[in-house]
Amino acid sequence: MLTLNEMSRAEKLQLMETLWVDLSADANDLDSPDWHLTALHEAERAHRDGQADFIDWAEAKARLRDGRV
């Protein structure tokens, strides 16, 4: 078995895809942590109160890549 350091980028991506398919097969059996619901309610409140800032997906990805989070 290869270690991560020995795997190519393509092999790592294939492994991630395989893991995702396997993990998502029983996704309905998994409970979200409590903080997910809290974060959702906070986001809904901010949107309702006009305090949420929205940017398009391309800008969000650029900010994440540049460390401007």
PDB file of N, CA and C in Angstrom:
ATOM      1  N   MET A   1       0.838  -1.181   0.000  1.00  0.00           N
ATOM      2  CA  MET A   1       0.000   0.000   0.000  1.00  0.00           C
ATOM      3  C   MET A   1       0.882   1.243   0.000  1.00  0.00           C
ATOM      4  N   LEU A   2       0.523   2.226  -0.813  1.00  0.00           N
ATOM      5  CA  LEU A   2       1.274   3.466  -0.894  1.00  0.00           C
ATOM      6  C   LEU A   2       0.950   4.383   0.282  1.00  0.00           C
ATOM      7  N   THR A   3       1.945   5.148   0.711  1.00  0.00           N
ATOM      8  CA  THR A   3       1.673   6.202   1.690  1.00  0.00           C
ATOM      9  C   THR A   3       1.214   7.439   0.921  1.00  0.00           C
ATOM     10  N   LEU A   4       0.644   8.403   1.603  1.00  0.00           N
ATOM     11  CA  LEU A   4       0.196   9.624   0.936  1.00  0.00           C
ATOM     12  C   LEU A   4       1.343  10.327   0.223  1.00  0.00           C
ATOM     13  N   ASN A   5       2.512  10.313   0.805  1.00  0.00           N
ATOM     14  CA  ASN A   5       3.672  10.959   0.185  1.00  0.00           C
ATOM     15  C   ASN A   5       4.061  10.296  -1.132  1.00  0.00           C
ATOM     16  N   GLU A   6       3.740   9.032  -1.277  1.00  0.00           N
ATOM     17  CA  GLU A   6       4.095   8.289  -2.484  1.00  0.00           C
ATOM     18  C   GLU A   6       3.025   8.376  -3.577  1.00  0.00           C
ATOM     19  N   MET A   7       1.837   8.866  -3.222  1.00  0.00           N
ATOM     20  CA  MET A   7       0.722   8.911  -4.166  1.00  0.00           C
ATOM     21  C   MET A   7       0.788  10.165  -5.029  1.00  0.00           C
ATOM     22  N   SER A   8       0.380  10.014  -6.275  1.00  0.00           N
ATOM     23  CA  SER A   8       0.271  11.173  -7.160  1.00  0.00           C
ATOM     24  C   SER A   8      -0.991  11.958  -6.790  1.00  0.00           C
ATOM     25  N   ARG A   9      -1.087  13.148  -7.313  1.00  0.00           N
ATOM     26  CA  ARG A   9      -2.281  13.966  -7.074  1.00  0.00           C
ATOM     27  C   ARG A   9      -3.525  13.241  -7.595  1.00  0.00           C
ATOM     28  N   ALA A  10      -3.424  12.652  -8.769  1.00  0.00           N
ATOM     29  CA  ALA A  10      -4.565  11.925  -9.345  1.00  0.00           C
ATOM     30  C   ALA A  10      -4.979  10.755  -8.450  1.00  0.00           C
ATOM     31  N   GLU A  11      -4.008  10.043  -7.896  1.00  0.00           N
ATOM     32  CA  GLU A  11      -4.320   8.917  -6.994  1.00  0.00           C
ATOM     33  C   GLU A  11      -4.987   9.414  -5.715  1.00  0.00           C
ATOM     34  N   LYS A  12      -4.519  10.526  -5.197  1.00  0.00           N
ATOM     35  CA  LYS A  12      -5.128  11.097  -3.988  1.00  0.00           C
ATOM     36  C   LYS A  12      -6.565  11.528  -4.257  1.00  0.00           C
ATOM     37  N   LEU A  13      -6.804  12.154  -5.398  1.00  0.00           N
ATOM     38  CA  LEU A  13      -8.167  12.571  -5.745  1.00  0.00           C
ATOM     39  C   LEU A  13      -9.082  11.367  -5.925  1.00  0.00           C
ATOM     40  N   GLN A  14      -8.570  10.309  -6.542  1.00  0.00           N
ATOM     41  CA  GLN A  14      -9.369   9.095  -6.698  1.00  0.00           C
ATOM     42  C   GLN A  14      -9.697   8.488  -5.340  1.00  0.00           C
ATOM     43  N   LEU A  15      -8.742   8.486  -4.444  1.00  0.00           N
ATOM     44  CA  LEU A  15      -8.967   7.975  -3.096  1.00  0.00           C
ATOM     45  C   LEU A  15     -10.027   8.800  -2.375  1.00  0.00           C
ATOM     46  N   MET A  16      -9.941  10.124  -2.503  1.00  0.00           N
ATOM     47  CA  MET A  16     -10.947  10.990  -1.874  1.00  0.00           C
ATOM     48  C   MET A  16     -12.339  10.699  -2.427  1.00  0.00           C
ATOM     49  N   GLU A  17     -12.430  10.529  -3.734  1.00  0.00           N
ATOM     50  CA  GLU A  17     -13.724  10.233  -4.351  1.00  0.00           C
ATOM     51  C   GLU A  17     -14.270   8.899  -3.859  1.00  0.00           C
ATOM     52  N   THR A  18     -13.411   7.912  -3.769  1.00  0.00           N
ATOM     53  CA  THR A  18     -13.825   6.591  -3.285  1.00  0.00           C
ATOM     54  C   THR A  18     -14.306   6.679  -1.841  1.00  0.00           C
ATOM     55  N   LEU A  19     -13.571   7.407  -1.016  1.00  0.00           N
ATOM     56  CA  LEU A  19     -13.979   7.584   0.381  1.00  0.00           C
ATOM     57  C   LEU A  19     -15.317   8.314   0.473  1.00  0.00           C
ATOM     58  N   TRP A  20     -15.475   9.360  -0.334  1.00  0.00           N
ATOM     59  CA  TRP A  20     -16.719  10.131  -0.297  1.00  0.00           C
ATOM     60  C   TRP A  20     -17.913   9.260  -0.676  1.00  0.00           C
ATOM     61  N   VAL A  21     -17.783   8.473  -1.712  1.00  0.00           N
ATOM     62  CA  VAL A  21     -18.874   7.591  -2.137  1.00  0.00           C
ATOM     63  C   VAL A  21     -19.214   6.615  -1.015  1.00  0.00           C
ATOM     64  N   ASP A  22     -18.200   6.066  -0.386  1.00  0.00           N
ATOM     65  CA  ASP A  22     -18.421   5.108   0.690  1.00  0.00           C
ATOM     66  C   ASP A  22     -19.084   5.770   1.902  1.00  0.00           C
ATOM     67  N   LEU A  23     -18.566   6.923   2.302  1.00  0.00           N
ATOM     68  CA  LEU A  23     -19.113   7.608   3.476  1.00  0.00           C
ATOM     69  C   LEU A  23     -20.519   8.132   3.235  1.00  0.00           C
ATOM     70  N   SER A  24     -20.804   8.591   2.031  1.00  0.00           N
ATOM     71  CA  SER A  24     -22.118   9.167   1.755  1.00  0.00           C
ATOM     72  C   SER A  24     -23.190   8.100   1.552  1.00  0.00           C
ATOM     73  N   ALA A  25     -22.812   6.863   1.412  1.00  0.00           N
ATOM     74  CA  ALA A  25     -23.786   5.788   1.203  1.00  0.00           C
ATOM     75  C   ALA A  25     -24.738   5.659   2.383  1.00  0.00           C
ATOM     76  N   ASP A  26     -24.249   5.952   3.583  1.00  0.00           N
ATOM     77  CA  ASP A  26     -25.102   5.861   4.770  1.00  0.00           C
ATOM     78  C   ASP A  26     -25.201   7.210   5.483  1.00  0.00           C
ATOM     79  N   ALA A  27     -25.223   8.276   4.711  1.00  0.00           N
ATOM     80  CA  ALA A  27     -25.237   9.633   5.267  1.00  0.00           C
ATOM     81  C   ALA A  27     -26.460   9.894   6.137  1.00  0.00           C
ATOM     82  N   ASN A  28     -27.586   9.269   5.829  1.00  0.00           N
ATOM     83  CA  ASN A  28     -28.791   9.500   6.624  1.00  0.00           C
ATOM     84  C   ASN A  28     -28.677   8.920   8.027  1.00  0.00           C
ATOM     85  N   ASP A  29     -27.722   8.032   8.228  1.00  0.00           N
ATOM     86  CA  ASP A  29     -27.535   7.435   9.545  1.00  0.00           C
ATOM     87  C   ASP A  29     -26.647   8.289  10.451  1.00  0.00           C
ATOM     88  N   LEU A  30     -26.085   9.360   9.887  1.00  0.00           N
ATOM     89  CA  LEU A  30     -25.176  10.210  10.652  1.00  0.00           C
ATOM     90  C   LEU A  30     -25.912  11.430  11.188  1.00  0.00           C
ATOM     91  N   ASP A  31     -25.673  11.748  12.449  1.00  0.00           N
ATOM     92  CA  ASP A  31     -26.258  12.940  13.042  1.00  0.00           C
ATOM     93  C   ASP A  31     -25.263  14.089  12.948  1.00  0.00           C
ATOM     94  N   SER A  32     -25.778  15.260  12.592  1.00  0.00           N
ATOM     95  CA  SER A  32     -24.935  16.443  12.572  1.00  0.00           C
ATOM     96  C   SER A  32     -24.651  16.877  13.999  1.00  0.00           C
ATOM     97  N   PRO A  33     -23.464  17.448  14.227  1.00  0.00           N
ATOM     98  CA  PRO A  33     -23.182  17.950  15.577  1.00  0.00           C
ATOM     99  C   PRO A  33     -24.088  19.134  15.915  1.00  0.00           C
ATOM    100  N   ASP A  34     -24.316  19.377  17.180  1.00  0.00           N
ATOM    101  CA  ASP A  34     -25.206  20.445  17.624  1.00  0.00           C
ATOM    102  C   ASP A  34     -24.801  21.809  17.072  1.00  0.00           C
ATOM    103  N   TRP A  35     -23.490  22.039  16.910  1.00  0.00           N
ATOM    104  CA  TRP A  35     -23.058  23.354  16.462  1.00  0.00           C
ATOM    105  C   TRP A  35     -23.502  23.642  15.032  1.00  0.00           C
ATOM    106  N   HIS A  36     -23.809  22.611  14.230  1.00  0.00           N
ATOM    107  CA  HIS A  36     -24.306  22.841  12.869  1.00  0.00           C
ATOM    108  C   HIS A  36     -25.649  23.571  12.911  1.00  0.00           C
ATOM    109  N   LEU A  37     -26.551  23.119  13.770  1.00  0.00           N
ATOM    110  CA  LEU A  37     -27.863  23.746  13.877  1.00  0.00           C
ATOM    111  C   LEU A  37     -27.723  25.167  14.415  1.00  0.00           C
ATOM    112  N   THR A  38     -26.842  25.356  15.374  1.00  0.00           N
ATOM    113  CA  THR A  38     -26.603  26.689  15.922  1.00  0.00           C
ATOM    114  C   THR A  38     -26.089  27.633  14.836  1.00  0.00           C
ATOM    115  N   ALA A  39     -25.132  27.164  14.027  1.00  0.00           N
ATOM    116  CA  ALA A  39     -24.574  27.981  12.950  1.00  0.00           C
ATOM    117  C   ALA A  39     -25.647  28.304  11.908  1.00  0.00           C
ATOM    118  N   LEU A  40     -26.499  27.344  11.589  1.00  0.00           N
ATOM    119  CA  LEU A  40     -27.583  27.576  10.638  1.00  0.00           C
ATOM    120  C   LEU A  40     -28.531  28.647  11.157  1.00  0.00           C
ATOM    121  N   HIS A  41     -28.920  28.563  12.415  1.00  0.00           N
ATOM    122  CA  HIS A  41     -29.813  29.563  12.993  1.00  0.00           C
ATOM    123  C   HIS A  41     -29.168  30.946  13.002  1.00  0.00           C
ATOM    124  N   GLU A  42     -27.886  31.010  13.302  1.00  0.00           N
ATOM    125  CA  GLU A  42     -27.180  32.294  13.290  1.00  0.00           C
ATOM    126  C   GLU A  42     -27.155  32.891  11.886  1.00  0.00           C
ATOM    127  N   ALA A  43     -26.909  32.054  10.877  1.00  0.00           N
ATOM    128  CA  ALA A  43     -26.896  32.536   9.493  1.00  0.00           C
ATOM    129  C   ALA A  43     -28.283  33.000   9.064  1.00  0.00           C
ATOM    130  N   GLU A  44     -29.310  32.260   9.436  1.00  0.00           N
ATOM    131  CA  GLU A  44     -30.683  32.659   9.103  1.00  0.00           C
ATOM    132  C   GLU A  44     -31.041  33.983   9.761  1.00  0.00           C
ATOM    133  N   ARG A  45     -30.650  34.166  11.014  1.00  0.00           N
ATOM    134  CA  ARG A  45     -30.925  35.406  11.727  1.00  0.00           C
ATOM    135  C   ARG A  45     -30.215  36.574  11.059  1.00  0.00           C
ATOM    136  N   ALA A  46     -28.936  36.398  10.713  1.00  0.00           N
ATOM    137  CA  ALA A  46     -28.182  37.457  10.059  1.00  0.00           C
ATOM    138  C   ALA A  46     -28.823  37.837   8.722  1.00  0.00           C
ATOM    139  N   HIS A  47     -29.275  36.846   7.973  1.00  0.00           N
ATOM    140  CA  HIS A  47     -29.945  37.119   6.692  1.00  0.00           C
ATOM    141  C   HIS A  47     -31.245  37.866   6.919  1.00  0.00           C
ATOM    142  N   ARG A  48     -32.033  37.405   7.847  1.00  0.00           N
ATOM    143  CA  ARG A  48     -33.324  38.029   8.143  1.00  0.00           C
ATOM    144  C   ARG A  48     -33.147  39.473   8.605  1.00  0.00           C
ATOM    145  N   ASP A  49     -32.103  39.734   9.398  1.00  0.00           N
ATOM    146  CA  ASP A  49     -31.862  41.067   9.948  1.00  0.00           C
ATOM    147  C   ASP A  49     -31.070  41.971   9.007  1.00  0.00           C
ATOM    148  N   GLY A  50     -30.771  41.470   7.802  1.00  0.00           N
ATOM    149  CA  GLY A  50     -30.038  42.270   6.833  1.00  0.00           C
ATOM    150  C   GLY A  50     -28.573  42.446   7.177  1.00  0.00           C
ATOM    151  N   GLN A  51     -28.024  41.556   7.980  1.00  0.00           N
ATOM    152  CA  GLN A  51     -26.627  41.663   8.411  1.00  0.00           C
ATOM    153  C   GLN A  51     -25.711  40.681   7.678  1.00  0.00           C
ATOM    154  N   ALA A  52     -26.264  39.947   6.740  1.00  0.00           N
ATOM    155  CA  ALA A  52     -25.463  38.956   6.010  1.00  0.00           C
ATOM    156  C   ALA A  52     -24.892  39.599   4.746  1.00  0.00           C
ATOM    157  N   ASP A  53     -23.615  39.377   4.526  1.00  0.00           N
ATOM    158  CA  ASP A  53     -22.970  39.848   3.309  1.00  0.00           C
ATOM    159  C   ASP A  53     -22.823  38.668   2.365  1.00  0.00           C
ATOM    160  N   PHE A  54     -23.159  38.886   1.107  1.00  0.00           N
ATOM    161  CA  PHE A  54     -23.074  37.818   0.122  1.00  0.00           C
ATOM    162  C   PHE A  54     -22.078  38.197  -0.966  1.00  0.00           C
ATOM    163  N   ILE A  55     -21.318  37.217  -1.399  1.00  0.00           N
ATOM    164  CA  ILE A  55     -20.426  37.379  -2.542  1.00  0.00           C
ATOM    165  C   ILE A  55     -20.637  36.188  -3.449  1.00  0.00           C
ATOM    166  N   ASP A  56     -20.260  36.337  -4.724  1.00  0.00           N
ATOM    167  CA  ASP A  56     -20.456  35.195  -5.611  1.00  0.00           C
ATOM    168  C   ASP A  56     -19.376  34.137  -5.359  1.00  0.00           C
ATOM    169  N   TRP A  57     -19.640  32.945  -5.866  1.00  0.00           N
ATOM    170  CA  TRP A  57     -18.785  31.789  -5.584  1.00  0.00           C
ATOM    171  C   TRP A  57     -17.362  31.993  -6.076  1.00  0.00           C
ATOM    172  N   ALA A  58     -17.194  32.621  -7.234  1.00  0.00           N
ATOM    173  CA  ALA A  58     -15.842  32.852  -7.760  1.00  0.00           C
ATOM    174  C   ALA A  58     -15.036  33.735  -6.808  1.00  0.00           C
ATOM    175  N   GLU A  59     -15.663  34.773  -6.278  1.00  0.00           N
ATOM    176  CA  GLU A  59     -14.977  35.654  -5.327  1.00  0.00           C
ATOM    177  C   GLU A  59     -14.667  34.907  -4.028  1.00  0.00           C
ATOM    178  N   ALA A  60     -15.594  34.091  -3.560  1.00  0.00           N
ATOM    179  CA  ALA A  60     -15.354  33.322  -2.329  1.00  0.00           C
ATOM    180  C   ALA A  60     -14.151  32.407  -2.497  1.00  0.00           C
ATOM    181  N   LYS A  61     -14.069  31.715  -3.638  1.00  0.00           N
ATOM    182  CA  LYS A  61     -12.926  30.827  -3.882  1.00  0.00           C
ATOM    183  C   LYS A  61     -11.631  31.614  -3.953  1.00  0.00           C
ATOM    184  N   ALA A  62     -11.662  32.775  -4.592  1.00  0.00           N
ATOM    185  CA  ALA A  62     -10.457  33.598  -4.692  1.00  0.00           C
ATOM    186  C   ALA A  62     -10.001  34.053  -3.311  1.00  0.00           C
ATOM    187  N   ARG A  63     -10.928  34.457  -2.469  1.00  0.00           N
ATOM    188  CA  ARG A  63     -10.584  34.891  -1.111  1.00  0.00           C
ATOM    189  C   ARG A  63      -9.983  33.733  -0.304  1.00  0.00           C
ATOM    190  N   LEU A  64     -10.555  32.564  -0.443  1.00  0.00           N
ATOM    191  CA  LEU A  64     -10.033  31.409   0.285  1.00  0.00           C
ATOM    192  C   LEU A  64      -8.622  31.069  -0.187  1.00  0.00           C
ATOM    193  N   ARG A  65      -8.401  31.106  -1.493  1.00  0.00           N
ATOM    194  CA  ARG A  65      -7.074  30.800  -2.035  1.00  0.00           C
ATOM    195  C   ARG A  65      -6.021  31.802  -1.590  1.00  0.00           C
ATOM    196  N   ASP A  66      -6.448  33.080  -1.487  1.00  0.00           N
ATOM    197  CA  ASP A  66      -5.524  34.152  -1.121  1.00  0.00           C
ATOM    198  C   ASP A  66      -5.394  34.347   0.383  1.00  0.00           C
ATOM    199  N   GLY A  67      -6.164  33.580   1.160  1.00  0.00           N
ATOM    200  CA  GLY A  67      -6.127  33.733   2.610  1.00  0.00           C
ATOM    201  C   GLY A  67      -6.862  34.953   3.108  1.00  0.00           C
ATOM    202  N   ARG A  68      -7.776  35.480   2.301  1.00  0.00           N
ATOM    203  CA  ARG A  68      -8.562  36.677   2.690  1.00  0.00           C
ATOM    204  C   ARG A  68      -9.928  36.264   3.224  1.00  0.00           C
ATOM    205  N   VAL A  69      -9.940  35.420   4.203  1.00  0.00           N
ATOM    206  CA  VAL A  69     -11.210  34.902   4.719  1.00  0.00           C
ATOM    207  C   VAL A  69     -11.795  35.870   5.709  1.00  0.00           C
TER     208      VAL A  69
END
